[in-house]
Amino acid sequence: MEDIETEDIETAIMSTKGQVIIPARLRKKYGLKKGKKIVFIEEPGYIKVMPPTDLRSLCGSWPDLDVDTLTKEIIEDRERDAEIERERERQIEGQIEKAAKKNLKKK
């Protein structure tokens, strides 16, 4: 854990519902407003409370995170999903054409 200066220490009391009020100075500093999500990260012996961040900023605290590989996998998944959707559209178009031809033959 990093060195902590005494002026950086704030305390709060937990309610019976497990709620804690984040001190106003910290809410203002980190732009925390009503309804904004907060991230809790469990570490050995303590809990980190943080505003949400993008994946790249987590690289130091998540040593196994390979953002480039993760990004590549997400892009590949989206490309596969897009291909599946295109195939579904082709199938539907084929069914529509088949139904239209069938209806023309009946007339």
Foldseek 3Di string as FASTA:
>chain_A
DDDDDPVNDDDFDADPVRDTDDDPVVCVVQVPDPPFDWDWDDDVPDIDIGHDDDPVVCCVVDVVDDPVVVVVVVVVVVVVVVVVVVVVVVVVVVVVVVVVVVVVVVD
